[in-house]
């Protein structure tokens, strides 16, 4: 009987070995893939997002392109749907903040067929509106909120050192600058100004400050500038922007900036871009200190427990709902100038490599940012009666 069973047992052992070898092979493939992502992430990202086509400059917009409502996500008197007017459930509009806000949205265009988005792209517009809803809404208590659409550079433009990437960003900036000039000419001149930009939008805001604000009378109207999700060199960017960094919560006419990372944080990708790009003064930023203002305290280089967080946007957001979760996220500025938020919270699928919570720079601190904005505008009015 044992002799009759032996071949069956051998076949079973053979199948078991094949299964184990298959599992081992799958593990090796996964490990190889993870190693590839770790060591060749930049190359793989470039392959996925950087356009292969030659750069073709978008047609120059006429000077009055932003005079009407068509090219604005939000502006006074626009009418129709305005994503920035959304509020989390349980949050009332509150008292109007006497300020004009100029908000520049981050990258929402990922196509690699061309270097700049077109203004008529419905899919890009929908993505942009979604971002404006969770970001611009933090400032919708303002008496006026302006948010332009612009022919943004595609995501891949920020991943490459090729000249086409810089040309695409420069083309996008020309649209933003034209919109800003219209904002200045048409907004209420009696109101202080708050400027907000995230990611690519923050890069354009940095240049706006240098080109349109620094050294001008307009600088006196600035209540606050939020340069979020983009590194600001204290030595090589800030002086050319014409405004100081905020040092405390009860201050106006200053700049706030942060980049959010969960721990353990690996900001090497951000530092690589930071080190290889010049500052506004034309000098290398490599090794220079990065500005970090803690949104929970309103000051630089400070630590705050989760209890200081007035409300993080819930991951379950929709056009009609989604609330705030208080006391969820702490924050502290690292010696490198990055905002560390403790172990990674479960906010959604958009966490970037290195525990980079870039997409959530505003949602993490939505309620604190709303309060900070109102407080700085109030300070401006108190000091500019």
Protein backbone atom coordinates (compact mmCIF):
# COMPACT_ATOMS: atom_id res chain seq x y z
CA UNK A 1 0.00 0.00 0.00
CA UNK A 2 2.83 2.41 0.92
CA UNK A 3 4.55 1.63 -2.39
CA UNK A 4 1.36 2.46 -4.29
CA UNK A 5 1.05 5.83 -2.50
CA UNK A 6 4.67 6.92 -3.08
CA UNK A 7 4.27 8.37 -6.64
CA UNK A 8 1.26 10.45 -5.54
CA UNK A 9 3.22 11.81 -2.58
CA UNK A 10 6.15 12.69 -4.89
CA UNK A 11 3.83 14.50 -7.26
CA UNK A 12 2.40 16.41 -4.27
CA UNK A 13 5.86 17.38 -3.09
CA UNK A 14 6.73 18.54 -6.60
CA UNK A 15 3.62 20.72 -6.82
CA UNK A 16 4.33 22.18 -3.37
CA UNK A 17 7.88 23.04 -4.43
CA UNK A 18 6.60 24.69 -7.62
CA UNK A 19 4.14 26.75 -5.56
CA UNK A 20 6.85 27.86 -3.11
CA UNK A 21 9.21 28.71 -5.98
CA UNK A 22 6.39 30.73 -7.56
CA UNK A 23 5.78 32.62 -4.31
CA UNK A 24 9.52 33.25 -3.91
CA UNK A 25 9.69 34.50 -7.49
CA UNK A 26 6.74 36.84 -6.95
CA UNK A 27 8.37 38.22 -3.80
CA UNK A 28 11.59 38.86 -5.74
CA UNK A 29 9.65 40.65 -8.48
CA UNK A 30 7.88 42.85 -5.91
CA UNK A 31 11.18 43.58 -4.14
CA UNK A 32 12.81 44.46 -7.45
CA UNK A 33 9.89 46.75 -8.25
CA UNK A 34 10.15 48.49 -4.88
CA UNK A 35 13.90 48.90 -5.30
CA UNK A 36 13.30 50.30 -8.76
CA UNK A 37 10.83 52.82 -7.40
CA UNK A 38 13.28 53.75 -4.64
CA UNK A 39 16.34 54.23 -6.81
CA UNK A 40 14.83 55.19 -10.17
CA UNK A 41 11.69 57.03 -9.06
CA UNK A 42 12.75 60.23 -10.78
CA UNK A 43 13.53 58.49 -14.07
CA UNK A 44 10.26 56.55 -13.97
CA UNK A 45 8.30 59.72 -13.17
CA UNK A 46 9.92 61.52 -16.07
CA UNK A 47 8.98 58.69 -18.40
CA UNK A 48 5.37 58.83 -17.18
CA UNK A 49 4.80 62.60 -17.04
CA UNK A 50 7.36 64.60 -19.05
CA UNK A 51 6.12 65.41 -22.56
CA UNK A 52 8.18 64.03 -25.42
CA UNK A 53 6.94 66.72 -27.81
CA UNK A 54 8.92 69.89 -28.42
CA UNK A 55 7.79 72.96 -26.51
CA UNK A 56 5.37 75.18 -28.39
CA UNK A 57 4.61 78.51 -26.73
CA UNK A 58 0.90 79.19 -26.12
CA UNK A 59 -0.48 82.21 -27.96
CA UNK A 60 -0.20 85.43 -25.98
CA UNK A 61 -3.47 86.39 -24.34
CA UNK A 62 -4.86 89.87 -25.03
CA UNK A 63 -4.42 92.45 -22.28
CA UNK A 64 -8.13 92.35 -21.45
CA UNK A 65 -8.39 88.53 -21.36
CA UNK A 66 -9.27 88.56 -17.65
CA UNK A 67 -11.58 91.56 -17.79
CA UNK A 68 -14.67 89.35 -18.02
CA UNK A 69 -15.72 86.36 -15.88
CA UNK A 70 -14.88 83.61 -18.39
CA UNK A 71 -11.30 82.91 -17.26
CA UNK A 72 -12.03 83.02 -13.53
CA UNK A 73 -12.87 80.14 -11.20
CA UNK A 74 -14.07 82.77 -8.75
CA UNK A 75 -14.41 86.54 -8.76
CA UNK A 76 -16.98 89.09 -7.55
CA UNK A 77 -20.10 89.07 -9.68
CA UNK A 78 -19.13 85.96 -11.63
CA UNK A 79 -22.36 84.08 -11.01
CA UNK A 80 -22.90 80.38 -11.56
CA UNK A 81 -21.11 77.57 -9.74
CA UNK A 82 -18.16 78.64 -7.60
CA UNK A 83 -16.22 75.75 -5.99
CA UNK A 84 -14.49 78.08 -3.53
CA UNK A 85 -17.87 78.78 -1.86
CA UNK A 86 -18.09 75.21 -0.55
CA UNK A 87 -17.95 74.70 3.22
CA UNK A 88 -17.50 71.53 5.29
CA UNK A 89 -20.64 70.31 7.01
CA UNK A 90 -21.20 72.08 10.31
CA UNK A 91 -19.19 75.16 9.31
CA UNK A 92 -21.14 78.41 8.98
CA UNK A 93 -20.02 81.19 6.62
CA UNK A 94 -19.29 83.41 9.62
CA UNK A 95 -18.44 87.08 9.64
CA UNK A 96 -17.14 88.61 6.42
CA UNK A 97 -13.39 89.27 6.46
CA UNK A 98 -12.70 92.69 4.93
CA UNK A 99 -10.03 91.65 2.42
CA UNK A 100 -9.51 90.79 -1.24
CA UNK A 101 -7.98 87.36 -1.78
CA UNK A 102 -6.04 86.33 -4.90
CA UNK A 103 -5.74 82.52 -4.99
CA UNK A 104 -3.58 80.63 -7.53
CA UNK A 105 -4.41 76.93 -7.78
CA UNK A 106 -1.79 74.12 -7.96
CA UNK A 107 -1.09 71.78 -10.87
CA UNK A 108 -4.15 69.88 -12.06
CA UNK A 109 -2.87 68.97 -15.54
CA UNK A 110 -0.90 65.75 -16.01
CA UNK A 111 -1.10 65.18 -19.77
CA UNK A 112 2.21 64.59 -21.56
CA UNK A 113 0.87 65.42 -25.02
CA UNK A 114 1.72 69.12 -24.56
CA UNK A 115 3.60 71.31 -22.11
CA UNK A 116 0.77 73.68 -21.14
CA UNK A 117 -2.91 73.04 -20.53
CA UNK A 118 -5.46 74.70 -22.75
CA UNK A 119 -8.10 76.91 -21.20
CA UNK A 120 -10.90 74.92 -22.82
CA UNK A 121 -9.95 71.52 -21.38
CA UNK A 122 -13.03 70.35 -19.46
CA UNK A 123 -11.24 67.55 -17.58
CA UNK A 124 -8.50 69.87 -16.34
CA UNK A 125 -11.14 72.44 -15.33
CA UNK A 126 -12.97 69.79 -13.30
CA UNK A 127 -9.75 68.77 -11.52
CA UNK A 128 -8.96 72.43 -10.87
CA UNK A 129 -12.40 73.06 -9.40
CA UNK A 130 -11.93 70.10 -7.04
CA UNK A 131 -8.68 71.58 -5.74
CA UNK A 132 -10.19 75.06 -5.45
CA UNK A 133 -13.00 73.58 -3.37
CA UNK A 134 -10.76 72.15 -0.65
CA UNK A 135 -8.14 74.93 -0.78
CA UNK A 136 -9.78 78.20 -1.80
CA UNK A 137 -12.71 77.52 0.52
CA UNK A 138 -10.48 78.20 3.52
CA UNK A 139 -10.53 81.87 2.42
CA UNK A 140 -14.14 82.22 1.31
CA UNK A 141 -15.07 84.45 4.25
CA UNK A 142 -13.26 87.21 2.35
CA UNK A 143 -15.28 90.12 1.04
CA UNK A 144 -13.76 89.36 -2.37
CA UNK A 145 -12.16 86.13 -3.58
CA UNK A 146 -10.49 86.02 -7.01
CA UNK A 147 -9.12 82.78 -8.51
CA UNK A 148 -7.96 82.72 -12.15
CA UNK A 149 -7.74 79.81 -14.55
CA UNK A 150 -4.43 79.80 -16.39
CA UNK A 151 -2.58 77.69 -18.91
CA UNK A 152 -0.67 75.84 -16.25
CA UNK A 153 2.47 73.87 -17.00
CA UNK A 154 1.93 70.14 -17.02
CA UNK A 155 3.14 68.19 -13.98
CA UNK A 156 6.11 66.81 -15.91
CA UNK A 157 7.50 70.33 -16.43
CA UNK A 158 8.56 70.32 -12.78
CA UNK A 159 10.28 66.95 -13.04
CA UNK A 160 12.74 67.75 -15.80
CA UNK A 161 15.83 69.89 -16.14
CA UNK A 162 15.12 70.32 -19.86
CA UNK A 163 14.64 73.98 -20.93
CA UNK A 164 11.12 73.16 -22.12
CA UNK A 165 10.00 72.72 -18.51
CA UNK A 166 11.08 76.24 -17.56
CA UNK A 167 9.55 77.65 -20.73
CA UNK A 168 6.22 76.02 -19.87
CA UNK A 169 6.29 77.44 -16.33
CA UNK A 170 7.18 80.89 -17.69
CA UNK A 171 4.23 80.74 -20.09
CA UNK A 172 1.89 79.80 -17.23
CA UNK A 173 3.26 82.66 -15.13
CA UNK A 174 2.49 85.20 -17.85
CA UNK A 175 -1.20 84.25 -17.59
CA UNK A 176 -1.15 84.53 -13.79
CA UNK A 177 0.56 87.91 -13.93
CA UNK A 178 -2.02 89.19 -16.41
CA UNK A 179 -4.81 87.97 -14.12
CA UNK A 180 -3.15 89.61 -11.11
CA UNK A 181 -2.93 92.95 -12.92
CA UNK A 182 -6.65 92.72 -13.64
CA UNK A 183 -7.31 91.82 -9.99
CA UNK A 184 -5.40 94.89 -8.80
CA UNK A 185 -7.23 97.21 -11.19
CA UNK A 186 -10.72 95.83 -10.49
CA UNK A 187 -10.70 94.81 -6.81
CA UNK A 188 -11.78 97.19 -4.04
CA UNK A 189 -8.79 99.50 -3.42
CA UNK A 190 -9.90 100.10 0.17
CA UNK A 191 -9.40 96.44 1.10
CA UNK A 192 -6.12 94.81 2.13
CA UNK A 193 -4.84 92.00 -0.09
CA UNK A 194 -4.15 88.36 0.78
CA UNK A 195 -2.28 86.29 -1.82
CA UNK A 196 -2.43 82.49 -1.73
CA UNK A 197 -0.68 79.95 -3.93
CA UNK A 198 -0.07 76.22 -3.64
CA UNK A 199 2.59 74.15 -5.44
CA UNK A 200 2.89 75.51 -9.01
CA UNK A 201 0.59 78.32 -7.89
CA UNK A 202 3.02 79.12 -5.07
CA UNK A 203 5.91 79.35 -7.53
CA UNK A 204 3.93 81.90 -9.55
CA UNK A 205 3.07 83.84 -6.38
CA UNK A 206 6.77 84.09 -5.50
CA UNK A 207 7.45 85.72 -8.86
CA UNK A 208 4.39 87.99 -8.53
CA UNK A 209 5.77 89.36 -5.28
CA UNK A 210 9.12 90.10 -6.91
CA UNK A 211 7.65 91.62 -10.08
CA UNK A 212 4.52 93.39 -8.83
CA UNK A 213 4.78 93.96 -5.06
CA UNK A 214 8.36 94.37 -3.78
CA UNK A 215 9.36 98.01 -3.50
CA UNK A 216 5.94 99.35 -4.54
CA UNK A 217 3.07 101.05 -2.72
CA UNK A 218 1.12 97.81 -3.17
CA UNK A 219 3.28 96.18 -0.51
CA UNK A 220 1.51 98.32 2.12
CA UNK A 221 -1.82 96.69 1.19
CA UNK A 222 -0.61 93.12 1.75
CA UNK A 223 -2.11 91.57 4.88
CA UNK A 224 -0.58 88.12 4.33
CA UNK A 225 0.95 85.88 1.66
CA UNK A 226 0.61 82.09 1.82
CA UNK A 227 3.30 80.36 -0.28
CA UNK A 228 2.41 76.72 0.33
CA UNK A 229 3.89 73.48 -0.97
CA UNK A 230 6.92 75.18 -2.53
CA UNK A 231 10.31 75.75 -0.87
CA UNK A 232 11.22 79.36 -0.09
CA UNK A 233 14.87 80.14 0.58
CA UNK A 234 15.24 82.57 3.47
CA UNK A 235 18.47 83.90 1.99
CA UNK A 236 17.85 83.77 -1.76
CA UNK A 237 14.07 84.13 -2.25
CA UNK A 238 12.57 86.04 0.66
CA UNK A 239 14.53 89.33 0.32
CA UNK A 240 13.48 89.71 -3.33
CA UNK A 241 9.82 89.08 -2.40
CA UNK A 242 9.83 92.35 -0.47
CA UNK A 243 8.05 91.07 2.65
CA UNK A 244 9.39 89.48 5.83
CA UNK A 245 8.57 86.03 7.15
CA UNK A 246 5.80 85.87 9.75
CA UNK A 247 7.24 85.44 13.23
CA UNK A 248 3.98 85.15 15.18
CA UNK A 249 0.21 84.87 14.80
CA UNK A 250 -0.61 88.53 15.47
CA UNK A 251 1.26 90.02 12.54
CA UNK A 252 0.37 91.24 9.06
CA UNK A 253 2.31 92.14 5.93
CA UNK A 254 4.31 88.91 6.07
CA UNK A 255 4.88 85.56 4.35
CA UNK A 256 3.89 82.07 5.53
CA UNK A 257 5.18 78.87 3.93
CA UNK A 258 5.22 75.16 4.76
CA UNK A 259 5.61 71.74 3.14
CA UNK A 260 3.96 68.84 4.99
CA UNK A 261 5.63 65.47 5.60
CA UNK A 262 4.62 62.55 7.77
CA UNK A 263 7.30 60.72 9.73
CA UNK A 264 9.63 59.12 8.90
CA UNK A 265 10.06 61.82 6.27
CA UNK A 266 12.26 61.57 3.19
CA UNK A 267 12.30 64.99 1.49
CA UNK A 268 15.22 64.10 -0.81
CA UNK A 269 13.17 64.63 -3.99
CA UNK A 270 12.15 68.13 -2.90
CA UNK A 271 15.69 68.96 -1.82
CA UNK A 272 17.01 67.78 -5.19
CA UNK A 273 14.80 70.30 -7.01
CA UNK A 274 15.55 72.99 -4.42
CA UNK A 275 19.31 72.55 -4.70
CA UNK A 276 19.43 72.66 -8.49
CA UNK A 277 17.19 75.71 -9.03
CA UNK A 278 18.35 79.28 -8.44
CA UNK A 279 16.70 81.67 -6.04
CA UNK A 280 15.02 84.92 -6.99
CA UNK A 281 18.38 86.63 -6.55
CA UNK A 282 19.90 84.39 -9.24
CA UNK A 283 22.16 82.53 -6.82
CA UNK A 284 22.13 78.84 -5.94
CA UNK A 285 19.79 77.92 -3.11
CA UNK A 286 21.73 74.76 -2.29
CA UNK A 287 22.26 74.38 1.44
CA UNK A 288 20.33 77.55 2.34
CA UNK A 289 17.66 77.49 5.05
CA UNK A 290 14.06 76.84 3.96
CA UNK A 291 11.25 78.94 5.43
CA UNK A 292 8.87 76.95 7.63
CA UNK A 293 5.95 78.62 9.42
CA UNK A 294 3.88 76.32 11.62
CA UNK A 295 0.20 76.78 10.66
CA UNK A 296 -0.88 75.72 14.17
CA UNK A 297 1.07 78.50 15.88
CA UNK A 298 1.60 81.09 13.14
CA UNK A 299 5.30 81.30 13.92
CA UNK A 300 8.59 79.93 12.64
CA UNK A 301 10.41 76.96 14.14
CA UNK A 302 7.67 76.15 16.65
CA UNK A 303 6.07 72.88 17.78
CA UNK A 304 2.37 72.28 18.41
CA UNK A 305 0.44 69.23 19.64
CA UNK A 306 -2.56 67.81 17.80
CA UNK A 307 -4.84 69.52 20.33
CA UNK A 308 -3.89 72.86 18.72
CA UNK A 309 -5.37 71.74 15.38
CA UNK A 310 -8.85 73.27 15.05
CA UNK A 311 -9.89 71.00 12.22
CA UNK A 312 -8.56 68.79 9.41
CA UNK A 313 -10.81 68.17 6.43
CA UNK A 314 -12.37 64.72 6.65
CA UNK A 315 -11.27 62.27 3.91
CA UNK A 316 -14.95 61.60 3.14
CA UNK A 317 -15.54 64.81 1.25
CA UNK A 318 -18.27 65.40 -1.30
CA UNK A 319 -19.92 68.35 -2.96
CA UNK A 320 -22.56 68.29 -0.25
CA UNK A 321 -20.76 67.02 2.83
CA UNK A 322 -17.62 66.16 4.69
CA UNK A 323 -16.71 67.77 7.96
CA UNK A 324 -13.75 68.77 10.08
CA UNK A 325 -11.83 66.54 12.49
CA UNK A 326 -10.27 68.59 15.31
CA UNK A 327 -7.21 67.48 17.24
CA UNK A 328 -6.04 65.03 14.57
CA UNK A 329 -2.72 66.39 13.29
CA UNK A 330 0.23 67.89 15.22
CA UNK A 331 2.93 69.95 13.51
CA UNK A 332 6.52 70.96 14.05
CA UNK A 333 9.18 72.51 11.84
CA UNK A 334 12.21 70.29 11.28
CA UNK A 335 15.77 71.68 11.21
CA UNK A 336 15.69 71.21 7.42
CA UNK A 337 12.65 73.46 7.11
CA UNK A 338 9.93 70.86 6.52
CA UNK A 339 6.67 70.66 8.46
CA UNK A 340 6.46 67.28 10.20
CA UNK A 341 2.99 65.98 11.10
CA UNK A 342 3.80 62.78 13.01
CA UNK A 343 2.79 59.30 11.77
CA UNK A 344 0.99 59.41 8.43
CA UNK A 345 -2.77 59.96 8.83
CA UNK A 346 -5.22 58.19 6.51
CA UNK A 347 -6.50 61.07 4.41
CA UNK A 348 -6.63 59.53 0.95
CA UNK A 349 -4.58 57.96 -1.83
CA UNK A 350 -2.55 61.00 -2.84
CA UNK A 351 0.43 60.75 -0.48
CA UNK A 352 3.60 61.19 -2.52
CA UNK A 353 6.90 59.28 -2.14
CA UNK A 354 8.88 60.03 0.99
CA UNK A 355 5.71 60.45 3.11
CA UNK A 356 5.11 63.75 1.34
CA UNK A 357 1.63 65.09 2.18
CA UNK A 358 1.97 67.82 -0.45
CA UNK A 359 -1.61 67.50 -1.73
CA UNK A 360 -2.90 67.97 1.84
CA UNK A 361 -0.91 71.09 2.83
CA UNK A 362 -4.16 73.05 3.23
CA UNK A 363 -6.71 70.31 4.16
CA UNK A 364 -4.51 69.22 7.09
CA UNK A 365 -4.87 72.65 8.71
CA UNK A 366 -8.03 73.98 7.04
CA UNK A 367 -9.65 75.46 10.16
CA UNK A 368 -6.42 76.96 11.53
CA UNK A 369 -5.68 78.54 8.15
CA UNK A 370 -9.17 80.06 8.04
CA UNK A 371 -8.64 81.55 11.49
CA UNK A 372 -5.08 82.69 10.73
CA UNK A 373 -6.23 84.53 7.62
CA UNK A 374 -8.97 86.39 9.50
CA UNK A 375 -6.60 87.27 12.37
CA UNK A 376 -3.93 88.74 10.08
CA UNK A 377 -6.48 90.81 8.18
CA UNK A 378 -7.83 92.11 11.50
CA UNK A 379 -4.29 93.07 12.50
CA UNK A 380 -3.78 94.88 9.21
CA UNK A 381 -6.92 96.95 9.77
CA UNK A 382 -5.85 97.76 13.34
CA UNK A 383 -2.48 99.05 12.15
CA UNK A 384 -3.80 100.77 9.01
CA UNK A 385 -6.89 102.66 10.23
